[in-house]
Amino acid sequence: MKLLLLIFISLNIFASDILTSYRINGIEQIEKEMDIELTKREYWDRVITGKDTTFGYIESYSNVLACDKSKSTLHLYSLDENQTFNFRKTYDAFTGKLKGDKVKEGDLKTPVGIYQITQKLSKETKLDPFYGPLAFVTSYPNIYDSYRGKNGSGIWIHGLPSQDRDEFTRGCIAINNSSIECLDRNIDIEKTVLIIDEKNIKQNI
């Protein structure tokens, strides 16, 4: 009871300080103070307590796609009722013809990084049959890529054409058509993050 009272008092004092600061200095000062608080380790220690940080701190996503370029695999993990990312499925995948991180347009490399899925393409959106029945567009290059001077575009997760093809891509991640359809049934693209690395991102699958 005493602890709850102390918390209530401190929250009220904090709210009073915010109102006073806002009244005197305006909203910009409040924003600056909040930004400073968000840089403090103590705040983030409280936030991540009890959360699954296997893939880092992921706040807005319920699915993780982890691409291991060294093994040509794409793993799907999903949050369970305990808010833990559990392994669900592995898809065999083709990646870029050349090893290493993508740096520029046409270098035939799959990027290394963390990306959002921004769009789903299909025959309804006139997707070229070369990419199979479905394709998921990624956010490459992201802000960090652009900061590092990396360029290029059109990095997708997509299916395969009906005819034979090379066992590599120009930089995309390609999985077979039944797998891309399975993936589509199991993810919400707005709640799915893609992590691409040169090695196994999670060891205990």
N, C-alpha and C. Protein backbone atom coordinates (compact mmCIF):
# COMPACT_ATOMS: atom_id res chain seq x y z
N MET A 1 0.84 -1.20 0.00
CA MET A 1 0.00 0.00 0.00
C MET A 1 0.87 1.26 0.00
N LYS A 2 1.94 1.25 0.85
CA LYS A 2 2.85 2.41 0.91
C LYS A 2 3.53 2.63 -0.43
N LEU A 3 3.92 1.51 -1.10
CA LEU A 3 4.59 1.61 -2.40
C LEU A 3 3.66 2.24 -3.43
N LEU A 4 2.41 1.79 -3.44
CA LEU A 4 1.44 2.35 -4.38
C LEU A 4 1.22 3.84 -4.13
N LEU A 5 1.21 4.23 -2.86
CA LEU A 5 1.03 5.64 -2.51
C LEU A 5 2.20 6.47 -3.01
N LEU A 6 3.43 5.92 -2.84
CA LEU A 6 4.62 6.64 -3.29
C LEU A 6 4.62 6.80 -4.81
N ILE A 7 4.23 5.75 -5.52
CA ILE A 7 4.15 5.81 -6.98
C ILE A 7 3.14 6.86 -7.41
N PHE A 8 1.97 6.87 -6.72
CA PHE A 8 0.92 7.83 -7.06
C PHE A 8 1.40 9.26 -6.83
N ILE A 9 2.09 9.47 -5.71
CA ILE A 9 2.60 10.81 -5.40
C ILE A 9 3.64 11.25 -6.43
N SER A 10 4.58 10.33 -6.77
CA SER A 10 5.64 10.68 -7.72
C SER A 10 5.06 10.98 -9.10
N LEU A 11 4.02 10.21 -9.52
CA LEU A 11 3.39 10.47 -10.81
C LEU A 11 2.72 11.83 -10.82
N ASN A 12 2.09 12.17 -9.71
CA ASN A 12 1.42 13.47 -9.64
C ASN A 12 2.42 14.61 -9.65
N ILE A 13 3.55 14.42 -8.95
CA ILE A 13 4.61 15.45 -8.96
C ILE A 13 5.17 15.60 -10.37
N PHE A 14 5.40 14.45 -11.03
CA PHE A 14 5.94 14.47 -12.39
C PHE A 14 4.97 15.19 -13.33
N ALA A 15 3.66 14.86 -13.20
CA ALA A 15 2.66 15.50 -14.03
C ALA A 15 2.61 17.00 -13.78
N SER A 16 2.75 17.39 -12.52
CA SER A 16 2.75 18.80 -12.17
C SER A 16 3.95 19.51 -12.79
N ASP A 17 5.12 18.85 -12.75
CA ASP A 17 6.33 19.42 -13.35
C ASP A 17 6.15 19.60 -14.85
N ILE A 18 5.53 18.62 -15.50
CA ILE A 18 5.30 18.70 -16.94
C ILE A 18 4.37 19.88 -17.26
N LEU A 19 3.30 19.99 -16.51
CA LEU A 19 2.35 21.08 -16.75
C LEU A 19 3.01 22.44 -16.56
N THR A 20 3.81 22.56 -15.51
CA THR A 20 4.51 23.82 -15.26
C THR A 20 5.48 24.15 -16.38
N SER A 21 6.24 23.13 -16.81
CA SER A 21 7.20 23.32 -17.90
C SER A 21 6.47 23.71 -19.19
N TYR A 22 5.34 23.02 -19.44
CA TYR A 22 4.56 23.33 -20.64
C TYR A 22 4.00 24.75 -20.59
N ARG A 23 3.49 25.15 -19.42
CA ARG A 23 2.90 26.48 -19.28
C ARG A 23 3.93 27.58 -19.51
N ILE A 24 5.16 27.33 -19.02
CA ILE A 24 6.19 28.37 -19.10
C ILE A 24 6.96 28.33 -20.42
N ASN A 25 7.32 27.08 -20.84
CA ASN A 25 8.26 26.95 -21.97
C ASN A 25 7.64 26.40 -23.26
N GLY A 26 6.42 25.86 -23.18
CA GLY A 26 5.79 25.34 -24.37
C GLY A 26 6.11 23.87 -24.63
N ILE A 27 5.50 23.33 -25.67
CA ILE A 27 5.59 21.90 -25.95
C ILE A 27 6.98 21.47 -26.38
N GLU A 28 7.73 22.34 -27.03
CA GLU A 28 9.07 21.97 -27.50
C GLU A 28 9.98 21.59 -26.34
N GLN A 29 9.87 22.29 -25.24
CA GLN A 29 10.68 21.97 -24.06
C GLN A 29 10.30 20.60 -23.50
N ILE A 30 9.00 20.32 -23.48
CA ILE A 30 8.53 19.01 -23.02
C ILE A 30 9.11 17.91 -23.90
N GLU A 31 9.09 18.11 -25.22
CA GLU A 31 9.63 17.12 -26.14
C GLU A 31 11.12 16.88 -25.90
N LYS A 32 11.85 17.95 -25.63
CA LYS A 32 13.28 17.81 -25.35
C LYS A 32 13.51 16.99 -24.08
N GLU A 33 12.71 17.26 -23.05
CA GLU A 33 12.85 16.53 -21.78
C GLU A 33 12.51 15.05 -21.97
N MET A 34 11.47 14.78 -22.76
CA MET A 34 11.09 13.39 -23.02
C MET A 34 12.18 12.67 -23.80
N ASP A 35 12.76 13.35 -24.78
CA ASP A 35 13.84 12.75 -25.57
C ASP A 35 15.03 12.39 -24.69
N ILE A 36 15.34 13.26 -23.73
CA ILE A 36 16.44 12.97 -22.80
C ILE A 36 16.13 11.74 -21.97
N GLU A 37 14.89 11.64 -21.49
CA GLU A 37 14.50 10.48 -20.69
C GLU A 37 14.62 9.19 -21.50
N LEU A 38 14.31 9.27 -22.80
CA LEU A 38 14.37 8.08 -23.66
C LEU A 38 15.80 7.62 -23.94
N THR A 39 16.78 8.43 -23.62
CA THR A 39 18.18 8.03 -23.82
C THR A 39 18.77 7.36 -22.58
N LYS A 40 18.02 7.31 -21.51
CA LYS A 40 18.56 6.79 -20.25
C LYS A 40 18.43 5.27 -20.17
N ARG A 41 19.49 4.63 -19.76
CA ARG A 41 19.51 3.17 -19.67
C ARG A 41 18.47 2.65 -18.68
N GLU A 42 18.26 3.39 -17.59
CA GLU A 42 17.32 2.97 -16.57
C GLU A 42 15.91 2.79 -17.16
N TYR A 43 15.54 3.70 -18.06
CA TYR A 43 14.22 3.61 -18.69
C TYR A 43 14.11 2.33 -19.50
N TRP A 44 15.11 2.05 -20.35
CA TRP A 44 15.05 0.88 -21.22
C TRP A 44 15.21 -0.42 -20.45
N ASP A 45 15.93 -0.40 -19.34
CA ASP A 45 16.01 -1.59 -18.49
C ASP A 45 14.63 -1.97 -18.00
N ARG A 46 13.83 -0.97 -17.65
CA ARG A 46 12.46 -1.25 -17.20
C ARG A 46 11.59 -1.75 -18.35
N VAL A 47 11.76 -1.16 -19.53
CA VAL A 47 10.93 -1.51 -20.68
C VAL A 47 11.15 -2.95 -21.12
N ILE A 48 12.42 -3.39 -21.17
CA ILE A 48 12.70 -4.72 -21.74
C ILE A 48 12.65 -5.85 -20.71
N THR A 49 12.44 -5.51 -19.45
CA THR A 49 12.35 -6.55 -18.43
C THR A 49 11.24 -7.54 -18.76
N GLY A 50 11.59 -8.82 -18.85
CA GLY A 50 10.62 -9.86 -19.13
C GLY A 50 10.27 -10.03 -20.59
N LYS A 51 10.90 -9.26 -21.48
CA LYS A 51 10.61 -9.37 -22.91
C LYS A 51 11.67 -10.21 -23.61
N ASP A 52 11.26 -10.86 -24.69
CA ASP A 52 12.17 -11.68 -25.49
C ASP A 52 13.02 -10.76 -26.37
N THR A 53 14.32 -10.70 -26.09
CA THR A 53 15.22 -9.83 -26.85
C THR A 53 16.20 -10.65 -27.70
N THR A 54 15.79 -11.85 -28.08
CA THR A 54 16.63 -12.72 -28.92
C THR A 54 17.07 -11.99 -30.18
N PHE A 55 16.14 -11.23 -30.76
CA PHE A 55 16.44 -10.52 -32.00
C PHE A 55 16.63 -9.03 -31.75
N GLY A 56 16.96 -8.67 -30.51
CA GLY A 56 16.99 -7.26 -30.14
C GLY A 56 15.63 -6.87 -29.61
N TYR A 57 15.43 -5.59 -29.37
CA TYR A 57 14.15 -5.13 -28.84
C TYR A 57 13.20 -4.87 -30.01
N ILE A 58 12.17 -5.67 -30.10
CA ILE A 58 11.18 -5.55 -31.18
C ILE A 58 9.84 -5.20 -30.55
N GLU A 59 9.35 -4.00 -30.83
CA GLU A 59 8.17 -3.51 -30.14
C GLU A 59 6.87 -3.72 -30.92
N SER A 60 6.92 -3.60 -32.23
CA SER A 60 5.68 -3.54 -33.01
C SER A 60 5.47 -4.73 -33.92
N TYR A 61 6.25 -5.78 -33.76
CA TYR A 61 6.18 -6.90 -34.70
C TYR A 61 5.86 -8.21 -33.96
N SER A 62 5.04 -9.05 -34.60
CA SER A 62 4.70 -10.34 -34.02
C SER A 62 5.35 -11.49 -34.77
N ASN A 63 6.00 -11.19 -35.90
CA ASN A 63 6.71 -12.20 -36.67
C ASN A 63 8.10 -11.71 -37.05
N VAL A 64 9.06 -12.62 -37.04
CA VAL A 64 10.41 -12.32 -37.51
C VAL A 64 10.77 -13.31 -38.61
N LEU A 65 11.22 -12.79 -39.74
CA LEU A 65 11.79 -13.61 -40.80
C LEU A 65 13.29 -13.43 -40.73
N ALA A 66 14.01 -14.52 -40.51
CA ALA A 66 15.47 -14.47 -40.37
C ALA A 66 16.12 -15.21 -41.53
N CYS A 67 16.79 -14.48 -42.40
CA CYS A 67 17.44 -15.09 -43.55
C CYS A 67 18.91 -15.31 -43.25
N ASP A 68 19.35 -16.56 -43.33
CA ASP A 68 20.75 -16.94 -43.16
C ASP A 68 21.33 -17.16 -44.55
N LYS A 69 22.09 -16.16 -45.03
CA LYS A 69 22.61 -16.26 -46.40
C LYS A 69 23.63 -17.38 -46.55
N SER A 70 24.37 -17.69 -45.48
CA SER A 70 25.40 -18.72 -45.57
C SER A 70 24.80 -20.11 -45.80
N LYS A 71 23.55 -20.32 -45.32
CA LYS A 71 22.90 -21.62 -45.46
C LYS A 71 21.71 -21.59 -46.42
N SER A 72 21.48 -20.42 -47.03
CA SER A 72 20.37 -20.27 -47.97
C SER A 72 19.05 -20.72 -47.36
N THR A 73 18.75 -20.16 -46.19
CA THR A 73 17.50 -20.50 -45.51
C THR A 73 16.78 -19.24 -45.05
N LEU A 74 15.47 -19.37 -44.91
CA LEU A 74 14.63 -18.30 -44.38
C LEU A 74 13.80 -18.91 -43.26
N HIS A 75 14.01 -18.45 -42.02
CA HIS A 75 13.30 -18.99 -40.86
C HIS A 75 12.18 -18.05 -40.44
N LEU A 76 11.06 -18.62 -40.05
CA LEU A 76 9.94 -17.84 -39.53
C LEU A 76 9.79 -18.08 -38.03
N TYR A 77 9.75 -17.00 -37.25
CA TYR A 77 9.49 -17.05 -35.81
C TYR A 77 8.27 -16.20 -35.52
N SER A 78 7.45 -16.64 -34.57
CA SER A 78 6.25 -15.89 -34.21
C SER A 78 6.11 -15.80 -32.70
N LEU A 79 5.53 -14.70 -32.23
CA LEU A 79 5.29 -14.53 -30.81
C LEU A 79 4.21 -15.50 -30.33
N ASP A 80 4.46 -16.13 -29.18
CA ASP A 80 3.43 -16.98 -28.59
C ASP A 80 2.70 -16.24 -27.49
N GLU A 81 1.87 -16.94 -26.74
CA GLU A 81 1.08 -16.30 -25.69
C GLU A 81 1.93 -15.77 -24.55
N ASN A 82 3.18 -16.25 -24.45
CA ASN A 82 4.10 -15.76 -23.42
C ASN A 82 4.99 -14.65 -23.94
N GLN A 83 4.66 -14.14 -25.13
CA GLN A 83 5.44 -13.06 -25.76
C GLN A 83 6.89 -13.47 -26.03
N THR A 84 7.06 -14.73 -26.41
CA THR A 84 8.37 -15.28 -26.77
C THR A 84 8.36 -15.65 -28.25
N PHE A 85 9.44 -15.33 -28.94
CA PHE A 85 9.53 -15.68 -30.36
C PHE A 85 9.92 -17.14 -30.50
N ASN A 86 8.99 -17.93 -31.02
CA ASN A 86 9.21 -19.36 -31.21
C ASN A 86 9.39 -19.68 -32.69
N PHE A 87 10.31 -20.62 -32.95
CA PHE A 87 10.54 -21.07 -34.31
C PHE A 87 9.32 -21.80 -34.85
N ARG A 88 8.94 -21.48 -36.10
CA ARG A 88 7.78 -22.12 -36.71
C ARG A 88 8.12 -22.92 -37.96
N LYS A 89 8.98 -22.35 -38.81
CA LYS A 89 9.21 -23.05 -40.07
C LYS A 89 10.48 -22.54 -40.74
N THR A 90 11.14 -23.43 -41.50
CA THR A 90 12.28 -23.05 -42.33
C THR A 90 11.94 -23.26 -43.79
N TYR A 91 12.27 -22.26 -44.59
CA TYR A 91 12.09 -22.34 -46.04
C TYR A 91 13.47 -22.33 -46.70
N ASP A 92 13.71 -23.25 -47.64
CA ASP A 92 14.92 -23.18 -48.45
C ASP A 92 14.84 -21.94 -49.32
N ALA A 93 15.96 -21.24 -49.47
CA ALA A 93 15.92 -19.96 -50.17
C ALA A 93 17.12 -19.78 -51.10
N PHE A 94 16.88 -19.09 -52.20
CA PHE A 94 17.96 -18.61 -53.05
C PHE A 94 18.25 -17.17 -52.66
N THR A 95 19.52 -16.80 -52.63
CA THR A 95 19.89 -15.40 -52.39
C THR A 95 20.83 -14.94 -53.50
N GLY A 96 21.43 -13.77 -53.33
CA GLY A 96 22.24 -13.17 -54.37
C GLY A 96 23.39 -14.06 -54.85
N LYS A 97 23.74 -13.90 -56.11
CA LYS A 97 24.78 -14.71 -56.72
C LYS A 97 26.12 -14.54 -56.02
N LEU A 98 26.42 -13.32 -55.57
CA LEU A 98 27.71 -13.03 -54.94
C LEU A 98 27.54 -12.87 -53.43
N LYS A 99 28.57 -13.25 -52.68
CA LYS A 99 28.55 -13.14 -51.23
C LYS A 99 28.82 -11.70 -50.81
N GLY A 100 28.54 -11.42 -49.52
CA GLY A 100 28.80 -10.09 -48.97
C GLY A 100 27.56 -9.22 -48.95
N ASP A 101 27.70 -8.06 -48.33
CA ASP A 101 26.60 -7.13 -48.16
C ASP A 101 26.38 -6.32 -49.44
N LYS A 102 25.13 -6.09 -49.77
CA LYS A 102 24.82 -5.27 -50.95
C LYS A 102 25.27 -3.85 -50.71
N VAL A 103 25.91 -3.26 -51.73
CA VAL A 103 26.41 -1.90 -51.63
C VAL A 103 25.82 -1.01 -52.71
N LYS A 104 25.67 -1.56 -53.92
CA LYS A 104 25.20 -0.72 -55.01
C LYS A 104 24.29 -1.51 -55.95
N GLU A 105 23.55 -0.77 -56.74
CA GLU A 105 22.65 -1.34 -57.74
C GLU A 105 23.41 -2.28 -58.66
N GLY A 106 22.87 -3.49 -58.85
CA GLY A 106 23.42 -4.42 -59.82
C GLY A 106 24.62 -5.22 -59.35
N ASP A 107 24.95 -5.19 -58.04
CA ASP A 107 26.13 -5.93 -57.57
C ASP A 107 25.85 -7.40 -57.28
N LEU A 108 24.60 -7.84 -57.51
CA LEU A 108 24.20 -9.25 -57.37
C LEU A 108 24.35 -9.78 -55.94
N LYS A 109 24.22 -8.88 -54.95
CA LYS A 109 24.33 -9.27 -53.55
C LYS A 109 23.01 -9.00 -52.82
N THR A 110 22.70 -9.87 -51.88
CA THR A 110 21.56 -9.66 -51.00
C THR A 110 22.01 -8.82 -49.81
N PRO A 111 21.29 -7.78 -49.47
CA PRO A 111 21.75 -6.90 -48.38
C PRO A 111 21.74 -7.60 -47.02
N VAL A 112 22.56 -7.09 -46.12
CA VAL A 112 22.57 -7.50 -44.73
C VAL A 112 21.96 -6.35 -43.92
N GLY A 113 20.92 -6.66 -43.15
CA GLY A 113 20.28 -5.59 -42.39
C GLY A 113 18.91 -6.01 -41.88
N ILE A 114 18.17 -5.03 -41.40
CA ILE A 114 16.84 -5.24 -40.84
C ILE A 114 15.86 -4.40 -41.64
N TYR A 115 14.80 -5.06 -42.13
CA TYR A 115 13.90 -4.39 -43.07
C TYR A 115 12.44 -4.66 -42.76
N GLN A 116 11.62 -3.71 -43.11
CA GLN A 116 10.17 -3.89 -43.05
C GLN A 116 9.71 -4.48 -44.38
N ILE A 117 8.53 -5.09 -44.34
CA ILE A 117 7.87 -5.51 -45.58
C ILE A 117 6.82 -4.45 -45.88
N THR A 118 6.98 -3.79 -47.00
CA THR A 118 6.17 -2.61 -47.28
C THR A 118 4.97 -2.88 -48.18
N GLN A 119 4.98 -4.02 -48.90
CA GLN A 119 3.90 -4.26 -49.86
C GLN A 119 3.87 -5.72 -50.28
N LYS A 120 2.68 -6.22 -50.59
CA LYS A 120 2.55 -7.56 -51.18
C LYS A 120 2.10 -7.42 -52.62
N LEU A 121 2.80 -8.12 -53.51
CA LEU A 121 2.47 -8.10 -54.93
C LEU A 121 1.94 -9.47 -55.34
N SER A 122 1.03 -9.49 -56.29
CA SER A 122 0.44 -10.75 -56.77
C SER A 122 -0.07 -10.54 -58.19
N LYS A 123 -0.73 -11.55 -58.74
CA LYS A 123 -1.27 -11.41 -60.09
C LYS A 123 -2.31 -10.29 -60.15
N GLU A 124 -2.96 -10.03 -59.01
CA GLU A 124 -3.93 -8.94 -58.97
C GLU A 124 -3.26 -7.59 -59.15
N THR A 125 -1.98 -7.50 -58.79
CA THR A 125 -1.22 -6.26 -58.99
C THR A 125 -0.31 -6.37 -60.21
N LYS A 126 -0.58 -7.37 -61.06
CA LYS A 126 0.15 -7.59 -62.31
C LYS A 126 1.62 -7.94 -62.08
N LEU A 127 1.85 -8.79 -61.09
CA LEU A 127 3.20 -9.26 -60.81
C LEU A 127 3.70 -10.11 -61.98
N ASP A 128 4.91 -9.87 -62.41
CA ASP A 128 5.53 -10.65 -63.49
C ASP A 128 5.62 -12.12 -63.05
N PRO A 129 5.17 -13.07 -63.89
CA PRO A 129 5.22 -14.50 -63.53
C PRO A 129 6.61 -15.00 -63.18
N PHE A 130 7.66 -14.28 -63.59
CA PHE A 130 9.02 -14.68 -63.23
C PHE A 130 9.18 -14.77 -61.72
N TYR A 131 8.42 -13.97 -60.97
CA TYR A 131 8.54 -13.92 -59.52
C TYR A 131 7.55 -14.84 -58.81
N GLY A 132 6.94 -15.75 -59.54
CA GLY A 132 6.01 -16.68 -58.93
C GLY A 132 4.68 -16.02 -58.63
N PRO A 133 3.88 -16.64 -57.76
CA PRO A 133 2.53 -16.13 -57.49
C PRO A 133 2.49 -14.91 -56.58
N LEU A 134 3.55 -14.72 -55.77
CA LEU A 134 3.55 -13.65 -54.78
C LEU A 134 4.94 -13.06 -54.62
N ALA A 135 4.98 -11.82 -54.18
CA ALA A 135 6.25 -11.19 -53.81
C ALA A 135 6.00 -10.20 -52.69
N PHE A 136 6.93 -10.15 -51.76
CA PHE A 136 6.88 -9.18 -50.66
C PHE A 136 8.01 -8.17 -50.86
N VAL A 137 7.65 -6.91 -50.97
CA VAL A 137 8.62 -5.83 -51.19
C VAL A 137 9.23 -5.43 -49.85
N THR A 138 10.56 -5.30 -49.79
CA THR A 138 11.22 -4.89 -48.54
C THR A 138 11.58 -3.40 -48.59
N SER A 139 11.97 -2.88 -47.46
CA SER A 139 12.28 -1.46 -47.33
C SER A 139 13.74 -1.12 -47.65
N TYR A 140 14.46 -2.07 -48.28
CA TYR A 140 15.83 -1.74 -48.69
C TYR A 140 15.82 -0.70 -49.82
N PRO A 141 16.65 0.34 -49.76
CA PRO A 141 17.57 0.68 -48.69
C PRO A 141 16.86 1.44 -47.57
N ASN A 142 17.14 1.04 -46.33
CA ASN A 142 16.55 1.76 -45.21
C ASN A 142 17.39 3.00 -44.88
N ILE A 143 17.04 3.71 -43.84
CA ILE A 143 17.74 4.96 -43.51
C ILE A 143 19.22 4.71 -43.24
N TYR A 144 19.51 3.62 -42.52
CA TYR A 144 20.90 3.30 -42.20
C TYR A 144 21.68 2.96 -43.45
N ASP A 145 21.06 2.22 -44.37
CA ASP A 145 21.72 1.90 -45.65
C ASP A 145 22.07 3.18 -46.40
N SER A 146 21.10 4.08 -46.49
CA SER A 146 21.32 5.33 -47.21
C SER A 146 22.43 6.15 -46.56
N TYR A 147 22.45 6.17 -45.23
CA TYR A 147 23.50 6.89 -44.49
C TYR A 147 24.87 6.34 -44.83
N ARG A 148 24.96 5.03 -45.04
CA ARG A 148 26.23 4.39 -45.37
C ARG A 148 26.57 4.46 -46.86
N GLY A 149 25.70 5.09 -47.63
CA GLY A 149 25.97 5.27 -49.05
C GLY A 149 25.58 4.10 -49.91
N LYS A 150 24.82 3.16 -49.36
CA LYS A 150 24.37 2.01 -50.14
C LYS A 150 23.17 2.42 -51.01
N ASN A 151 23.08 1.82 -52.20
CA ASN A 151 21.95 2.14 -53.06
C ASN A 151 21.41 0.88 -53.72
N GLY A 152 20.51 1.07 -54.66
CA GLY A 152 19.81 -0.06 -55.26
C GLY A 152 18.37 -0.07 -54.80
N SER A 153 17.61 -1.01 -55.33
CA SER A 153 16.19 -1.12 -54.97
C SER A 153 15.67 -2.47 -55.42
N GLY A 154 14.38 -2.70 -55.18
CA GLY A 154 13.74 -3.92 -55.67
C GLY A 154 14.21 -5.19 -54.99
N ILE A 155 14.51 -5.11 -53.69
CA ILE A 155 14.86 -6.32 -52.94
C ILE A 155 13.57 -6.91 -52.38
N TRP A 156 13.19 -8.06 -52.90
CA TRP A 156 11.92 -8.71 -52.56
C TRP A 156 12.17 -10.10 -51.98
N ILE A 157 11.14 -10.60 -51.31
CA ILE A 157 11.01 -12.03 -51.07
C ILE A 157 9.96 -12.50 -52.07
N HIS A 158 10.32 -13.43 -52.94
CA HIS A 158 9.37 -13.80 -53.98
C HIS A 158 9.44 -15.29 -54.29
N GLY A 159 8.50 -15.74 -55.13
CA GLY A 159 8.46 -17.13 -55.56
C GLY A 159 9.33 -17.37 -56.77
N LEU A 160 9.04 -18.46 -57.49
CA LEU A 160 9.88 -18.88 -58.61
C LEU A 160 9.05 -19.03 -59.88
N PRO A 161 9.67 -18.86 -61.03
CA PRO A 161 8.95 -19.07 -62.29
C PRO A 161 8.72 -20.55 -62.52
N SER A 162 7.83 -20.87 -63.44
CA SER A 162 7.52 -22.27 -63.70
C SER A 162 8.67 -22.97 -64.42
N GLN A 163 9.46 -22.22 -65.21
CA GLN A 163 10.58 -22.84 -65.92
C GLN A 163 11.81 -22.90 -65.00
N ASP A 164 12.81 -23.68 -65.41
CA ASP A 164 14.05 -23.77 -64.63
C ASP A 164 14.73 -22.41 -64.55
N ARG A 165 15.46 -22.21 -63.46
CA ARG A 165 16.17 -20.95 -63.28
C ARG A 165 17.46 -21.20 -62.52
N ASP A 166 18.33 -20.20 -62.49
CA ASP A 166 19.59 -20.32 -61.75
C ASP A 166 19.30 -20.44 -60.26
N GLU A 167 20.23 -21.07 -59.54
CA GLU A 167 20.06 -21.23 -58.09
C GLU A 167 20.64 -20.04 -57.33
N PHE A 168 20.35 -18.86 -57.81
CA PHE A 168 20.74 -17.63 -57.12
C PHE A 168 19.84 -16.51 -57.66
N THR A 169 19.89 -15.36 -57.03
CA THR A 169 19.10 -14.21 -57.48
C THR A 169 20.03 -13.04 -57.74
N ARG A 170 19.45 -11.95 -58.16
CA ARG A 170 20.23 -10.72 -58.36
C ARG A 170 20.31 -9.90 -57.07
N GLY A 171 19.81 -10.46 -55.98
CA GLY A 171 19.84 -9.76 -54.70
C GLY A 171 18.63 -10.03 -53.83
N CYS A 172 17.57 -10.57 -54.44
CA CYS A 172 16.35 -10.89 -53.69
C CYS A 172 16.52 -12.18 -52.89
N ILE A 173 15.47 -12.51 -52.14
CA ILE A 173 15.36 -13.81 -51.48
C ILE A 173 14.22 -14.55 -52.18
N ALA A 174 14.52 -15.69 -52.77
CA ALA A 174 13.50 -16.44 -53.51
C ALA A 174 13.25 -17.79 -52.84
N ILE A 175 11.99 -18.14 -52.64
CA ILE A 175 11.61 -19.43 -52.10
C ILE A 175 10.58 -20.05 -53.06
N ASN A 176 10.38 -21.36 -52.95
CA ASN A 176 9.49 -21.99 -53.93
C ASN A 176 8.04 -21.51 -53.74
N ASN A 177 7.22 -21.76 -54.74
CA ASN A 177 5.88 -21.16 -54.77
C ASN A 177 4.96 -21.64 -53.65
N SER A 178 5.05 -22.91 -53.30
CA SER A 178 4.23 -23.39 -52.19
C SER A 178 4.67 -22.74 -50.88
N SER A 179 5.97 -22.46 -50.77
CA SER A 179 6.49 -21.82 -49.55
C SER A 179 6.06 -20.36 -49.46
N ILE A 180 6.08 -19.64 -50.57
CA ILE A 180 5.68 -18.23 -50.53
C ILE A 180 4.19 -18.11 -50.21
N GLU A 181 3.39 -19.08 -50.68
CA GLU A 181 1.97 -19.09 -50.37
C GLU A 181 1.73 -19.45 -48.90
N CYS A 182 2.54 -20.38 -48.39
CA CYS A 182 2.47 -20.74 -46.97
C CYS A 182 2.84 -19.54 -46.11
N LEU A 183 3.90 -18.86 -46.51
CA LEU A 183 4.35 -17.68 -45.76
C LEU A 183 3.26 -16.62 -45.73
N ASP A 184 2.61 -16.43 -46.85
CA ASP A 184 1.54 -15.44 -46.94
C ASP A 184 0.41 -15.75 -45.96
N ARG A 185 0.12 -17.03 -45.77
CA ARG A 185 -0.96 -17.43 -44.84
C ARG A 185 -0.57 -17.23 -43.38
N ASN A 186 0.73 -17.14 -43.12
CA ASN A 186 1.21 -17.16 -41.73
C ASN A 186 1.73 -15.83 -41.21
N ILE A 187 1.73 -14.80 -42.05
CA ILE A 187 2.23 -13.52 -41.57
C ILE A 187 1.28 -12.38 -41.93
N ASP A 188 1.33 -11.36 -41.12
CA ASP A 188 0.73 -10.06 -41.44
C ASP A 188 1.91 -9.16 -41.79
N ILE A 189 1.99 -8.68 -43.02
CA ILE A 189 3.20 -7.97 -43.43
C ILE A 189 3.44 -6.71 -42.61
N GLU A 190 2.38 -6.13 -42.06
CA GLU A 190 2.56 -4.92 -41.25
C GLU A 190 3.14 -5.23 -39.88
N LYS A 191 3.13 -6.52 -39.50
CA LYS A 191 3.66 -6.91 -38.19
C LYS A 191 4.83 -7.89 -38.32
N THR A 192 5.51 -7.84 -39.47
CA THR A 192 6.61 -8.76 -39.73
C THR A 192 7.88 -7.98 -40.06
N VAL A 193 8.98 -8.34 -39.41
CA VAL A 193 10.27 -7.72 -39.68
C VAL A 193 11.20 -8.77 -40.29
N LEU A 194 12.01 -8.34 -41.25
CA LEU A 194 12.96 -9.22 -41.94
C LEU A 194 14.37 -8.88 -41.48
N ILE A 195 15.09 -9.91 -41.01
CA ILE A 195 16.49 -9.74 -40.61
C ILE A 195 17.34 -10.61 -41.54
N ILE A 196 18.30 -10.01 -42.21
CA ILE A 196 19.17 -10.74 -43.14
C ILE A 196 20.60 -10.66 -42.63
N ASP A 197 21.26 -11.83 -42.56
CA ASP A 197 22.65 -11.85 -42.11
C ASP A 197 23.42 -12.90 -42.88
N GLU A 198 24.74 -12.90 -42.70
CA GLU A 198 25.61 -13.88 -43.36
C GLU A 198 25.69 -15.18 -42.58
N LYS A 199 25.03 -15.24 -41.42
CA LYS A 199 25.12 -16.41 -40.56
C LYS A 199 23.78 -16.67 -39.91
N ASN A 200 23.72 -17.77 -39.16
CA ASN A 200 22.49 -18.13 -38.44
C ASN A 200 22.21 -17.09 -37.38
N ILE A 201 21.07 -16.42 -37.47
CA ILE A 201 20.74 -15.34 -36.56
C ILE A 201 20.34 -15.86 -35.18
N LYS A 202 19.72 -17.02 -35.14
CA LYS A 202 19.36 -17.63 -33.86
C LYS A 202 19.85 -19.07 -33.88
N GLN A 203 20.62 -19.44 -32.89
CA GLN A 203 21.30 -20.73 -32.91
C GLN A 203 20.43 -21.89 -32.43
N ASN A 204 19.45 -21.64 -31.59
CA ASN A 204 18.73 -22.74 -30.94
C ASN A 204 17.42 -23.08 -31.62
N ILE A 205 17.41 -23.16 -32.96
CA ILE A 205 16.17 -23.54 -33.63
C ILE A 205 16.07 -25.05 -33.68
